[in-house]
Protein backbone atom coordinates (compact mmCIF):
# COMPACT_ATOMS: atom_id res chain seq x y z
CA MET A 1 129.87 37.54 138.53
CA VAL A 2 131.76 37.93 141.82
CA LEU A 3 129.38 38.64 144.66
CA GLU A 4 130.60 41.24 147.13
CA LYS A 5 130.51 40.68 150.88
CA GLY A 6 130.37 43.33 153.57
CA MET A 7 131.18 43.77 157.24
CA ILE A 8 128.10 44.49 159.37
CA THR A 9 128.08 45.44 163.05
CA ASN A 10 124.39 45.36 163.89
CA LEU A 11 120.79 45.15 162.67
CA GLN A 12 118.48 47.50 164.55
CA ARG A 13 114.85 46.57 164.03
CA LEU A 14 111.68 48.62 164.54
CA SER A 15 113.46 51.96 164.18
CA LEU A 16 111.28 55.07 163.88
CA HIS A 17 113.96 57.77 163.54
CA ASP A 18 115.94 56.80 160.45
CA GLY A 19 113.52 57.47 157.63
CA HIS A 20 109.79 57.15 157.08
CA GLY A 21 107.81 54.36 158.72
CA ILE A 22 109.13 51.39 160.63
CA ARG A 23 112.63 50.54 159.45
CA THR A 24 115.46 48.11 159.99
CA VAL A 25 118.77 49.93 160.25
CA ILE A 26 121.81 48.05 158.96
CA PHE A 27 125.09 49.35 160.39
CA LEU A 28 128.14 48.88 158.17
CA LYS A 29 131.59 48.77 159.74
CA GLY A 30 134.22 51.38 158.98
CA CYS A 31 134.29 55.17 159.11
CA ASN A 32 136.53 57.89 157.66
CA MET A 33 135.72 60.40 160.42
CA ARG A 34 136.46 60.28 164.13
CA CYS A 35 133.75 62.48 165.57
CA LEU A 36 134.55 62.90 169.25
CA TRP A 37 130.89 62.47 170.21
CA CYS A 38 130.23 59.36 168.11
CA HIS A 39 127.99 56.83 169.85
CA ASN A 40 128.97 53.99 167.48
CA PRO A 41 132.73 53.56 168.09
CA GLU A 42 132.42 49.90 167.13
CA THR A 43 132.03 51.11 163.54
CA PHE A 44 135.34 53.00 163.39
CA SER A 45 137.42 50.08 162.14
CA GLN A 46 136.48 48.04 159.08
CA LYS A 47 137.82 44.89 160.74
CA ALA A 48 136.09 42.62 163.24
CA GLN A 49 136.82 43.48 166.88
CA ILE A 50 136.38 41.96 170.31
CA GLU A 51 134.16 43.87 172.71
CA ARG A 52 134.38 42.90 176.38
CA ILE A 53 131.19 43.53 178.33
CA GLU A 54 132.56 43.39 181.85
CA GLN A 55 129.16 43.30 183.54
CA LYS A 56 128.41 39.94 181.91
CA CYS A 57 131.67 38.26 182.95
CA ILE A 58 131.30 35.38 185.43
CA SER A 59 135.10 34.93 185.77
CA CYS A 60 135.03 31.32 184.65
CA GLY A 61 138.38 31.69 182.91
CA ALA A 62 137.39 29.80 179.75
CA CYS A 63 138.42 32.73 177.57
CA VAL A 64 141.84 32.93 179.23
CA GLU A 65 142.55 29.28 178.40
CA VAL A 66 142.02 29.74 174.65
CA CYS A 67 143.59 33.19 174.27
CA GLY A 68 146.74 32.90 172.22
CA SER A 69 147.90 36.48 172.58
CA GLU A 70 147.99 36.91 176.39
CA ALA A 71 145.39 39.65 176.06
CA LEU A 72 143.27 37.84 178.66
CA SER A 73 144.54 36.91 182.10
CA MET A 74 143.27 36.08 185.57
CA HIS A 75 144.10 38.28 188.56
CA ASN A 76 142.55 37.87 191.99
CA GLY A 77 139.81 35.68 190.57
CA LYS A 78 138.79 38.14 187.86
CA VAL A 79 139.43 38.26 184.11
CA HIS A 80 141.49 41.18 182.83
CA TYR A 81 141.56 42.23 179.18
CA ASN A 82 144.39 44.10 177.45
CA VAL A 83 142.97 45.26 174.13
CA ASN A 84 146.42 46.27 172.89
CA LEU A 85 147.54 42.63 172.89
CA CYS A 86 144.33 41.26 171.35
CA LYS A 87 144.53 39.67 167.89
CA HIS A 88 140.71 39.81 167.53
CA ASN A 89 140.50 36.27 166.11
CA GLY A 90 137.33 35.52 168.05
CA ASP A 91 138.47 32.33 169.82
CA CYS A 92 137.40 33.72 173.20
CA THR A 93 133.89 34.51 171.99
CA LYS A 94 133.31 30.86 171.07
CA VAL A 95 133.84 29.66 174.64
CA CYS A 96 132.39 32.62 176.56
CA TYR A 97 129.26 31.19 178.15
CA SER A 98 127.95 34.52 179.45
CA GLY A 99 128.48 36.61 176.31
CA ALA A 100 131.02 38.90 177.98
CA MET A 101 133.46 38.42 175.09
CA HIS A 102 131.55 39.56 172.04
CA GLN A 103 132.71 39.83 168.44
CA VAL A 104 131.69 43.03 166.70
CA GLY A 105 131.53 42.61 162.95
CA GLU A 106 130.08 39.84 160.83
CA ILE A 107 130.48 39.14 157.12
CA TYR A 108 127.29 39.11 155.02
CA SER A 109 126.45 38.66 151.38
CA SER A 110 123.54 40.59 149.86
CA GLU A 111 121.36 37.49 149.90
CA ALA A 112 122.23 36.62 153.51
CA LEU A 113 121.46 40.18 154.58
CA TYR A 114 118.09 40.06 152.84
CA LYS A 115 117.23 36.80 154.61
CA ALA A 116 118.17 38.42 157.91
CA ILE A 117 115.68 41.28 157.44
CA GLU A 118 113.02 39.42 155.45
CA LYS A 119 110.83 38.84 158.51
CA ASP A 120 110.57 42.63 158.96
CA ILE A 121 108.98 43.25 155.57
CA PRO A 122 105.35 43.11 156.85
CA PHE A 123 106.19 46.05 159.16
CA PHE A 124 107.66 47.94 156.19
CA ASN A 125 104.60 47.33 154.05
CA SER A 126 102.11 48.41 156.71
CA THR A 127 103.91 51.67 157.56
CA GLY A 128 105.68 52.72 154.37
CA GLY A 129 109.01 51.87 155.95
CA GLY A 130 112.00 49.94 154.71
CA VAL A 131 115.73 49.53 155.20
CA THR A 132 118.23 52.22 156.23
CA PHE A 133 121.95 51.70 155.71
CA SER A 134 124.08 53.49 158.29
CA GLY A 135 127.43 53.15 160.00
CA GLY A 136 130.15 54.23 160.41
CA GLU A 137 130.19 55.42 156.86
CA PRO A 138 128.35 52.88 154.67
CA LEU A 139 129.71 54.34 151.42
CA LEU A 140 133.21 53.14 152.34
CA GLN A 141 131.95 49.67 151.43
CA HIS A 142 130.45 51.09 148.26
CA GLN A 143 130.79 48.03 146.03
CA PHE A 144 129.03 45.75 148.51
CA LEU A 145 126.50 48.44 149.38
CA LEU A 146 125.58 49.16 145.77
CA GLU A 147 125.13 45.47 144.99
CA THR A 148 123.02 45.02 148.14
CA ILE A 149 120.81 48.03 147.44
CA GLN A 150 120.22 46.89 143.87
CA TYR A 151 119.26 43.47 145.19
CA PHE A 152 116.93 44.99 147.79
CA LYS A 153 115.31 47.23 145.20
CA SER A 154 114.62 44.14 143.06
CA LYS A 155 112.58 42.99 146.07
CA ASP A 156 110.65 46.31 146.08
CA LEU A 157 112.16 47.52 149.36
CA ASN A 158 112.35 51.21 150.23
CA VAL A 159 116.01 52.16 150.77
CA VAL A 160 117.50 55.03 152.78
CA VAL A 161 121.22 55.74 153.12
CA GLU A 162 122.68 57.74 156.01
CA SER A 163 126.08 59.23 155.18
CA ASN A 164 128.62 61.81 156.28
CA PHE A 165 129.21 62.51 152.55
CA ASN A 166 132.97 62.57 153.02
CA VAL A 167 133.54 60.44 149.90
CA SER A 168 134.01 61.26 146.23
CA TRP A 169 130.98 62.38 144.24
CA ASN A 170 131.72 59.63 141.71
CA ILE A 171 130.80 57.09 144.39
CA ILE A 172 127.63 58.90 145.48
CA SER A 173 126.40 59.35 141.91
CA LYS A 174 126.32 55.59 141.35
CA PHE A 175 123.67 55.27 144.08
CA LEU A 176 121.30 58.00 142.90
CA PRO A 177 119.06 55.74 140.75
CA TYR A 178 118.49 53.31 143.62
CA VAL A 179 118.29 55.29 146.89
CA ASP A 180 114.81 56.54 147.82
CA HIS A 181 115.99 59.02 150.44
CA TRP A 182 119.27 60.30 151.87
CA LEU A 183 120.06 61.28 155.45
CA VAL A 184 123.14 63.51 155.33
CA ASP A 185 125.12 64.82 158.29
CA LEU A 186 125.98 68.52 158.32
CA LYS A 187 128.19 68.95 161.38
CA PHE A 188 129.94 72.31 160.84
CA ILE A 189 130.39 75.07 158.29
CA ASN A 190 133.59 76.31 159.91
CA ALA A 191 136.38 74.18 158.42
CA GLU A 192 138.74 74.49 161.39
CA LYS A 193 136.11 73.36 163.86
CA HIS A 194 135.08 70.50 161.60
CA LYS A 195 138.66 69.25 161.52
CA LYS A 196 139.12 69.73 165.26
CA TRP A 197 136.05 67.70 166.18
CA THR A 198 135.97 65.11 163.38
CA PHE A 199 139.66 64.99 162.31
CA THR A 200 138.64 65.55 158.67
CA ASP A 201 138.08 68.47 156.33
CA ASN A 202 134.53 69.42 155.29
CA GLN A 203 135.04 70.87 151.80
CA LYS A 204 134.07 67.60 150.14
CA VAL A 205 131.03 67.29 152.40
CA LEU A 206 129.67 70.74 151.56
CA SER A 207 130.40 70.31 147.85
CA ASN A 208 128.61 66.94 147.75
CA ILE A 209 125.55 68.34 149.51
CA LYS A 210 125.27 71.11 146.92
CA GLN A 211 125.67 68.57 144.14
CA LEU A 212 123.01 66.34 145.66
CA ASP A 213 120.66 69.31 145.86
CA ASN A 214 121.18 69.94 142.15
CA GLU A 215 120.15 66.36 141.40
CA LYS A 216 116.70 67.06 142.88
CA VAL A 217 116.55 63.77 144.76
CA SER A 218 114.90 63.24 148.13
CA TYR A 219 117.19 64.08 151.04
CA GLU A 220 117.36 65.74 154.43
CA LEU A 221 120.15 67.26 156.51
CA ARG A 222 120.77 66.54 160.16
CA THR A 223 123.10 68.34 162.54
CA PRO A 224 124.19 66.75 165.82
CA LEU A 225 124.09 69.52 168.42
CA ILE A 226 127.21 69.10 170.53
CA PRO A 227 127.85 71.21 173.67
CA THR A 228 131.03 73.32 173.42
CA ALA A 229 131.42 72.33 169.75
CA ASN A 230 128.63 73.70 167.56
CA ASN A 231 126.01 74.97 170.01
CA ILE A 232 127.31 78.42 169.18
CA LYS A 233 125.07 81.05 167.63
CA GLU A 234 127.48 82.01 164.84
CA GLU A 235 128.01 78.39 163.80
CA LEU A 236 124.33 77.44 163.84
CA LEU A 237 123.38 80.55 161.88
CA ALA A 238 126.07 79.69 159.32
CA ILE A 239 124.62 76.19 159.04
CA ASN A 240 121.14 77.67 158.73
CA ASP A 241 122.28 80.06 155.97
CA PHE A 242 123.86 77.17 154.06
CA VAL A 243 120.64 75.15 154.27
CA HIS A 244 118.54 78.07 153.04
CA GLN A 245 120.70 78.33 149.93
CA LEU A 246 119.55 74.83 148.94
CA SER A 247 116.45 74.30 146.83
CA ASN A 248 115.42 70.69 147.39
CA CYS A 249 116.24 69.78 150.99
CA LYS A 250 113.16 68.04 152.40
CA GLN A 251 113.98 68.65 156.05
CA PHE A 252 116.67 70.05 158.32
CA LYS A 253 116.77 69.07 161.96
CA LEU A 254 119.00 69.19 165.01
CA ASN A 255 119.75 66.02 166.95
CA PRO A 256 120.65 66.45 170.64
CA TYR A 257 123.94 65.09 171.95
CA HIS A 258 123.65 62.01 174.17
CA LYS A 259 126.10 59.75 175.99
CA LEU A 260 124.47 56.40 175.21
CA GLY A 261 127.61 55.14 173.51
CA GLU A 262 130.01 55.94 176.34
CA GLN A 263 130.02 52.39 177.70
CA LYS A 264 130.93 51.04 174.25
CA TYR A 265 134.24 52.89 174.38
CA LYS A 266 135.10 51.16 177.64
CA ASN A 267 134.05 47.78 176.24
CA LEU A 268 136.34 48.28 173.24
CA GLY A 269 139.25 49.60 175.29
CA LEU A 270 138.92 53.10 173.82
CA GLU A 271 138.98 56.47 175.53
CA TYR A 272 135.80 58.55 175.45
CA ASN A 273 137.05 62.12 175.17
CA LEU A 274 133.74 63.83 175.97
CA ALA A 275 133.11 62.15 179.31
CA HIS A 276 133.30 65.58 180.96
CA ILE A 277 130.50 67.03 178.81
CA ASN A 278 126.93 66.74 180.07
CA GLU A 279 123.90 66.10 177.94
CA MET A 280 121.92 69.15 176.97
CA SER A 281 118.74 69.97 178.86
CA HIS A 282 115.46 69.95 176.98
CA SER A 283 115.02 73.70 177.45
CA GLU A 284 118.50 74.45 176.09
CA PHE A 285 117.98 72.18 173.10
CA GLN A 286 114.64 73.88 172.47
CA TYR A 287 116.36 77.27 172.55
CA TRP A 288 118.74 76.27 169.73
CA SER A 289 115.94 74.61 167.77
CA ASN A 290 113.86 77.77 167.96
CA LEU A 291 116.85 79.80 166.77
CA ILE A 292 117.07 77.63 163.67
CA LYS A 293 113.32 77.83 163.07
CA LYS A 294 113.43 81.62 163.15
């Protein structure tokens, strides 16, 4: 049997917002959407990347000496990074004493991933928690993910999968016997707006949600509330109507837009297109939440 390996960006321990109880969230690399508000841009690509955290740089120049692509250079005593020239081979990260040059993306096997989260199991057992697989879009690495979930279930771990559901139903169906709970994003009902803000169509997403509902498995829907995008009465009411047509959705909630990932774009040499949009006030978010509740 050939064991699959997957690309992981991060393990977030002691999470309380990604399923029941205390959980460890495992972020898989790669996504098939490009949501303009995404706070995990390091998960866009399925390949390892170099993230430069400028605030940590001590301008020692060690990274410049080993860079074989001229992506790193010294000017006026400071290190400059041109992401467009970077080959992302990780040589600079091995000599960076301060951690300014950081590789995003590490290869794991199922067994290695279990060993990495094994110390968290007492927290799972005492709170009814477990492991949540997120991304990016974790189902893009479906062979590795399925093997890993099966392995984790053999260890009696509770498993949650967070997905944008923009994959074929044939892939999703393979996971149904093993996933305890699903967290599914429902961003828009309006197809044109969905494509404008995520660069993908939403027909497959809506169809898969309906199919999941028919399977009578445990799942919930979550909508990121984005200013100027979907904080519009007609759109939220359309989302609400869609949810009310479902029979087995455990919960539907709005998640407020935040800018916590903005610095990551700069670190990765990417442009953050929503820099001009402010976070929503608590009172405004409460207004939209109350609209949905009604």
